[in-house]
Amino acid sequence: MTTIIRTLVVAIALSVTGLHAQDFQGVATYKTHRDIDIKMDSTQVNDEMHAKMVEMMKKQFQKTYHLDFNREASTYKQEEELSKPQVGGGDFQIVVMGNGGGDDVLYKNTKENRYAELRDTFGKLFLIKDEIEPIEWKLESETKFIGEYQCFKATYTKMVEKPRVVVSTDDEEKESDLDKEPEMEERTVTAWYAPQIPINNGPDNYQGLPGLILEVHDGKLTIICSKIVLNPEEKVEIAEPTKGKEVSQEEYEKIMEKKAKEMQERYRPRKGQRDGESFSITIGG
């Protein structure tokens, strides 16, 4: 069955005319959102505050990105926002670990199998350079249309840390989840790709399929393409980022782990703090 699917995908890709020129390029717009499901003790948080927290966190992950691409490379960048969503205030604060700023940009070169990612982390610029890790996609037979493009389904499984939601209150004896070893779980990632756009690329860190990836479901994260412009009149410029402290992916993750512990200590209640004086949530990114 997999061989038949591959043959069909190749046939569709080759049947498309006008997309095989050397200067083939385009811009794809993606919308992202993340489901938020946090259960909290009603003695600590009333229904109104709980609803407000969930809404705040949803806004943190409702973003628009643009993927500028050609046959060999791409840049993935968040659309500039007029104002950033409110993430705290009053008696509580929400900290999203690993949530980058609007200046972040991910450059991928699928021909050379490498990437360079500029990330603004707590006001410091990092340039993460590393190889693109291959994804062992399984091509499925299911299809659907996304806009005018017939898309094919592909899946793969991976081991991930269970989402960490750390609630800090005035109870100093309560052990934080960040002090424990992370629990792992298996997750199936689903993508929908369009062979009519014959490039092996996609949004964020998803790539490696025989067609542009238009939709991704990865746990509670959903990425959906809302617009595609192929071969626009104005040439697409794909520039690899160069500024920032250069680190590998492994080095960056160690820095983030250290920062997570620092943030945990920063928001841990201090002795003598009165009940209800402060409340914070830290989400592991």
Protein backbone atom coordinates (compact mmCIF):
# COMPACT_ATOMS: atom_id res chain seq x y z
CA MET A 1 0.00 0.00 0.00
CA THR A 2 2.83 2.42 0.84
CA THR A 3 4.43 1.84 -2.57
CA ILE A 4 1.14 2.60 -4.30
CA ILE A 5 0.74 5.81 -2.30
CA ARG A 6 4.28 6.92 -3.14
CA THR A 7 3.70 6.23 -6.84
CA LEU A 8 0.45 8.20 -6.79
CA VAL A 9 2.07 11.12 -4.97
CA VAL A 10 4.93 11.28 -7.49
CA ALA A 11 2.48 11.09 -10.39
CA ILE A 12 0.46 14.02 -9.02
CA ALA A 13 3.59 16.07 -8.45
CA LEU A 14 4.91 15.45 -11.96
CA SER A 15 1.55 16.27 -13.53
CA VAL A 16 1.68 19.82 -12.22
CA THR A 17 2.94 22.21 -14.85
CA GLY A 18 4.66 25.52 -14.27
CA LEU A 19 6.05 24.54 -10.87
CA HIS A 20 9.34 23.04 -11.95
CA ALA A 21 11.22 26.16 -12.91
CA GLN A 22 14.47 26.84 -11.10
CA ASP A 23 13.05 30.06 -9.63
CA PHE A 24 9.98 28.35 -8.15
CA GLN A 25 9.13 30.02 -4.85
CA GLY A 26 6.21 31.02 -2.69
CA VAL A 27 4.80 32.28 0.59
CA ALA A 28 2.52 30.22 2.84
CA THR A 29 0.64 31.71 5.79
CA TYR A 30 -0.05 29.53 8.82
CA LYS A 31 -2.28 29.95 11.87
CA THR A 32 -1.36 28.20 15.12
CA HIS A 33 -3.31 27.43 18.25
CA ARG A 34 -2.91 25.16 21.26
CA ASP A 35 -5.65 23.51 23.32
CA ILE A 36 -5.37 24.42 26.98
CA ASP A 37 -6.77 22.07 29.61
CA ILE A 38 -5.67 22.85 33.15
CA LYS A 39 -7.47 21.44 36.17
CA MET A 40 -6.84 23.34 39.37
CA ASP A 41 -7.94 23.13 42.99
CA SER A 42 -11.07 25.24 43.43
CA THR A 43 -9.82 26.25 46.89
CA GLN A 44 -6.86 28.02 45.22
CA VAL A 45 -8.51 29.43 42.09
CA ASN A 46 -12.15 30.38 41.57
CA ASP A 47 -13.94 29.73 38.27
CA GLU A 48 -13.55 33.30 37.04
CA MET A 49 -9.79 33.40 37.58
CA HIS A 50 -9.38 29.91 36.07
CA ALA A 51 -11.24 30.96 32.91
CA LYS A 52 -9.13 34.12 32.67
CA MET A 53 -5.89 32.14 32.96
CA VAL A 54 -6.92 29.66 30.26
CA GLU A 55 -7.89 32.50 27.90
CA MET A 56 -4.56 34.25 28.49
CA MET A 57 -2.60 31.10 27.73
CA LYS A 58 -4.61 30.44 24.56
CA LYS A 59 -3.69 33.89 23.26
CA GLN A 60 -0.01 33.08 23.76
CA PHE A 61 -0.29 30.32 21.17
CA GLN A 62 -2.70 31.93 18.69
CA LYS A 63 -0.23 33.33 16.20
CA THR A 64 0.27 33.85 12.49
CA TYR A 65 3.45 32.79 10.70
CA HIS A 66 4.79 33.17 7.17
CA LEU A 67 6.88 30.51 5.43
CA ASP A 68 8.91 31.98 2.57
CA PHE A 69 10.26 29.13 0.48
CA ASN A 70 11.96 27.99 -2.69
CA ARG A 71 13.05 24.52 -3.75
CA GLU A 72 16.04 24.39 -1.39
CA ALA A 73 15.44 26.69 1.57
CA SER A 74 12.89 28.56 3.66
CA THR A 75 12.40 31.04 6.47
CA TYR A 76 9.60 30.73 9.02
CA LYS A 77 8.75 33.87 10.96
CA GLN A 78 5.91 35.14 13.11
CA GLU A 79 3.81 37.94 11.69
CA GLU A 80 4.44 41.20 13.48
CA GLU A 81 1.84 41.96 16.14
CA LEU A 82 0.57 45.43 16.98
CA SER A 83 0.49 44.54 20.66
CA LYS A 84 1.46 41.52 22.69
CA PRO A 85 -1.27 39.69 24.65
CA GLN A 86 -1.48 40.37 28.38
CA VAL A 87 0.04 37.44 30.26
CA GLY A 88 -0.20 38.49 33.86
CA GLY A 89 -1.29 41.06 36.31
CA GLY A 90 -2.86 41.49 39.70
CA ASP A 91 -2.25 38.47 41.91
CA PHE A 92 -0.92 36.06 39.30
CA GLN A 93 1.50 35.74 36.43
CA ILE A 94 1.87 33.25 33.58
CA VAL A 95 5.34 32.32 32.36
CA VAL A 96 5.65 30.30 29.13
CA MET A 97 9.09 28.71 29.02
CA GLY A 98 10.65 28.58 25.57
CA ASN A 99 8.08 30.90 24.01
CA GLY A 100 10.12 33.05 21.65
CA GLY A 101 9.64 36.63 20.64
CA GLY A 102 8.46 38.22 17.41
CA ASP A 103 12.03 38.56 16.12
CA ASP A 104 12.57 34.79 16.01
CA VAL A 105 13.22 33.27 12.59
CA LEU A 106 13.82 29.67 11.54
CA TYR A 107 15.92 29.14 8.41
CA LYS A 108 16.00 25.66 6.90
CA ASN A 109 18.08 24.41 4.00
CA THR A 110 16.62 21.03 3.08
CA LYS A 111 19.19 20.47 0.32
CA GLU A 112 22.10 20.82 2.76
CA ASN A 113 20.10 19.22 5.60
CA ARG A 114 20.73 22.00 8.13
CA TYR A 115 18.98 24.83 9.91
CA ALA A 116 19.79 28.10 11.65
CA GLU A 117 17.29 29.48 14.15
CA LEU A 118 17.43 32.95 15.67
CA ARG A 119 15.69 32.99 19.05
CA ASP A 120 15.18 35.88 21.43
CA THR A 121 15.18 34.21 24.84
CA PHE A 122 14.54 36.51 27.80
CA GLY A 123 16.10 39.43 25.94
CA LYS A 124 19.20 37.56 24.72
CA LEU A 125 19.70 36.51 21.10
CA PHE A 126 20.78 32.95 20.32
CA LEU A 127 21.64 31.52 16.91
CA ILE A 128 20.97 27.78 17.02
CA LYS A 129 22.76 25.90 14.24
CA ASP A 130 22.41 22.18 13.73
CA GLU A 131 21.49 19.41 11.32
CA ILE A 132 17.88 18.69 10.39
CA GLU A 133 16.93 15.42 12.05
CA PRO A 134 15.15 13.05 9.65
CA ILE A 135 11.52 12.27 10.39
CA GLU A 136 10.37 8.70 9.77
CA TRP A 137 7.07 9.55 8.14
CA LYS A 138 4.51 6.86 7.35
CA LEU A 139 2.54 7.72 4.21
CA GLU A 140 -1.16 7.00 4.69
CA SER A 141 -3.87 6.44 2.07
CA GLU A 142 -6.30 9.03 3.46
CA THR A 143 -6.71 12.29 1.53
CA LYS A 144 -8.60 15.56 1.88
CA PHE A 145 -8.68 19.00 0.32
CA ILE A 146 -7.22 22.01 2.05
CA GLY A 147 -8.42 24.91 -0.05
CA GLU A 148 -7.78 23.97 -3.67
CA TYR A 149 -5.02 21.47 -2.85
CA GLN A 150 -5.54 17.74 -2.53
CA CYS A 151 -3.52 16.69 0.50
CA PHE A 152 -2.28 13.31 1.66
CA LYS A 153 -1.97 12.18 5.26
CA ALA A 154 1.32 11.22 6.88
CA THR A 155 2.11 10.27 10.48
CA TYR A 156 5.04 9.49 12.74
CA THR A 157 5.48 8.72 16.43
CA LYS A 158 7.90 10.26 18.89
CA MET A 159 8.64 10.25 22.60
CA VAL A 160 8.00 13.57 24.33
CA GLU A 161 7.95 14.95 27.83
CA LYS A 162 4.53 15.17 29.36
CA PRO A 163 3.37 18.79 29.52
CA ARG A 164 4.62 20.46 32.66
CA VAL A 165 2.31 22.93 34.35
CA VAL A 166 3.84 24.19 37.57
CA VAL A 167 1.52 25.94 40.00
CA SER A 168 3.29 28.00 42.66
CA THR A 169 1.22 29.13 45.62
CA ASP A 170 1.97 30.12 49.20
CA ASP A 171 2.39 26.43 50.15
CA GLU A 172 6.17 26.14 50.44
CA GLU A 173 6.04 22.45 51.29
CA LYS A 174 4.42 21.54 47.96
CA GLU A 175 7.02 19.95 45.64
CA SER A 176 7.27 21.57 42.23
CA ASP A 177 6.93 19.46 39.10
CA LEU A 178 10.12 21.09 37.79
CA ASP A 179 12.05 19.40 40.63
CA LYS A 180 11.05 15.97 39.36
CA GLU A 181 12.40 13.94 36.46
CA PRO A 182 10.21 14.58 33.40
CA GLU A 183 7.76 11.84 32.49
CA MET A 184 7.79 10.64 28.87
CA GLU A 185 4.91 9.59 26.66
CA GLU A 186 4.45 8.45 23.06
CA ARG A 187 2.78 10.88 20.69
CA THR A 188 1.55 10.46 17.12
CA VAL A 189 2.05 13.49 14.89
CA THR A 190 -0.24 13.89 11.88
CA ALA A 191 0.55 16.04 8.85
CA TRP A 192 -1.24 16.78 5.59
CA TYR A 193 0.94 17.59 2.58
CA ALA A 194 0.21 18.78 -0.96
CA PRO A 195 2.14 17.01 -3.77
CA GLN A 196 0.93 19.77 -6.10
CA ILE A 197 3.53 21.96 -4.38
CA PRO A 198 6.56 19.68 -4.83
CA ILE A 199 8.93 20.80 -2.08
CA ASN A 200 9.93 18.73 0.97
CA ASN A 201 9.33 21.52 3.46
CA GLY A 202 6.74 22.82 5.88
CA PRO A 203 6.07 25.05 8.90
CA ASP A 204 8.29 25.10 11.97
CA ASN A 205 10.38 21.91 12.29
CA TYR A 206 8.17 19.76 10.08
CA GLN A 207 9.53 18.71 6.70
CA GLY A 208 10.62 15.67 4.69
CA LEU A 209 7.45 14.83 2.76
CA PRO A 210 6.94 14.81 -1.05
CA GLY A 211 4.96 18.03 -0.97
CA LEU A 212 4.53 21.18 1.11
CA ILE A 213 3.01 20.45 4.53
CA LEU A 214 -0.19 22.46 4.94
CA GLU A 215 -1.50 21.13 8.25
CA VAL A 216 0.03 19.63 11.40
CA HIS A 217 -1.48 18.14 14.55
CA ASP A 218 1.16 17.57 17.23
CA GLY A 219 -0.41 16.87 20.60
CA LYS A 220 -2.40 19.94 21.59
CA LEU A 221 -0.66 22.08 18.95
CA THR A 222 -2.36 22.67 15.59
CA ILE A 223 -0.83 24.47 12.61
CA ILE A 224 -3.04 25.17 9.59
CA CYS A 225 -2.16 26.91 6.32
CA SER A 226 -4.65 29.68 5.53
CA LYS A 227 -3.12 31.14 2.35
CA ILE A 228 -0.57 30.24 -0.33
CA VAL A 229 0.94 32.49 -2.98
CA LEU A 230 3.11 30.71 -5.56
CA ASN A 231 5.67 32.60 -7.62
CA PRO A 232 4.61 36.08 -6.40
CA GLU A 233 5.41 39.11 -8.54
CA GLU A 234 7.80 40.40 -5.88
CA LYS A 235 10.74 38.03 -5.50
CA VAL A 236 10.91 36.18 -2.20
CA GLU A 237 14.14 36.86 -0.33
CA ILE A 238 15.29 33.99 1.89
CA ALA A 239 18.11 35.17 4.15
CA GLU A 240 19.86 32.99 6.72
CA PRO A 241 20.08 34.72 10.14
CA THR A 242 23.60 35.55 11.29
CA LYS A 243 23.32 37.50 14.55
CA GLY A 244 23.11 36.06 18.05
CA LYS A 245 25.28 33.79 20.20
CA GLU A 246 25.91 30.64 18.17
CA VAL A 247 25.01 27.40 19.95
CA SER A 248 23.96 23.88 19.03
CA GLN A 249 20.45 22.60 19.74
CA GLU A 250 21.75 20.57 22.69
CA GLU A 251 23.56 23.59 24.16
CA TYR A 252 20.45 25.73 23.80
CA GLU A 253 18.27 23.15 25.56
CA LYS A 254 20.70 23.09 28.49
CA ILE A 255 20.50 26.88 28.71
CA MET A 256 16.70 26.70 28.72
CA GLU A 257 16.73 24.04 31.43
CA LYS A 258 18.90 26.26 33.60
CA LYS A 259 16.64 29.25 32.92
CA ALA A 260 13.57 27.18 33.86
CA LYS A 261 15.07 26.48 37.27
CA GLU A 262 15.94 30.15 37.72
CA MET A 263 12.38 31.16 36.86
CA GLN A 264 11.05 28.56 39.27
CA GLU A 265 13.11 30.06 42.09
CA ARG A 266 12.11 33.57 41.08
CA TYR A 267 8.41 32.85 41.40
CA ARG A 268 8.61 30.52 44.38
CA PRO A 269 6.75 32.09 47.33
CA ARG A 270 8.99 33.57 49.99
CA LYS A 271 8.70 33.07 53.73
CA GLY A 272 6.25 35.38 55.40
CA GLN A 273 4.09 35.78 52.31
CA ARG A 274 0.41 35.96 53.18
CA ASP A 275 -2.19 33.57 51.79
CA GLY A 276 -3.42 34.60 48.36
CA GLU A 277 -0.70 37.24 47.98
CA SER A 278 0.79 35.70 44.86
CA PHE A 279 0.06 33.06 42.27
CA SER A 280 2.08 31.98 39.25
CA ILE A 281 1.98 29.33 36.54
CA THR A 282 4.98 28.11 34.58
CA ILE A 283 4.44 26.08 31.41
CA GLY A 284 7.33 24.01 30.08
CA GLY A 285 7.75 24.77 26.39
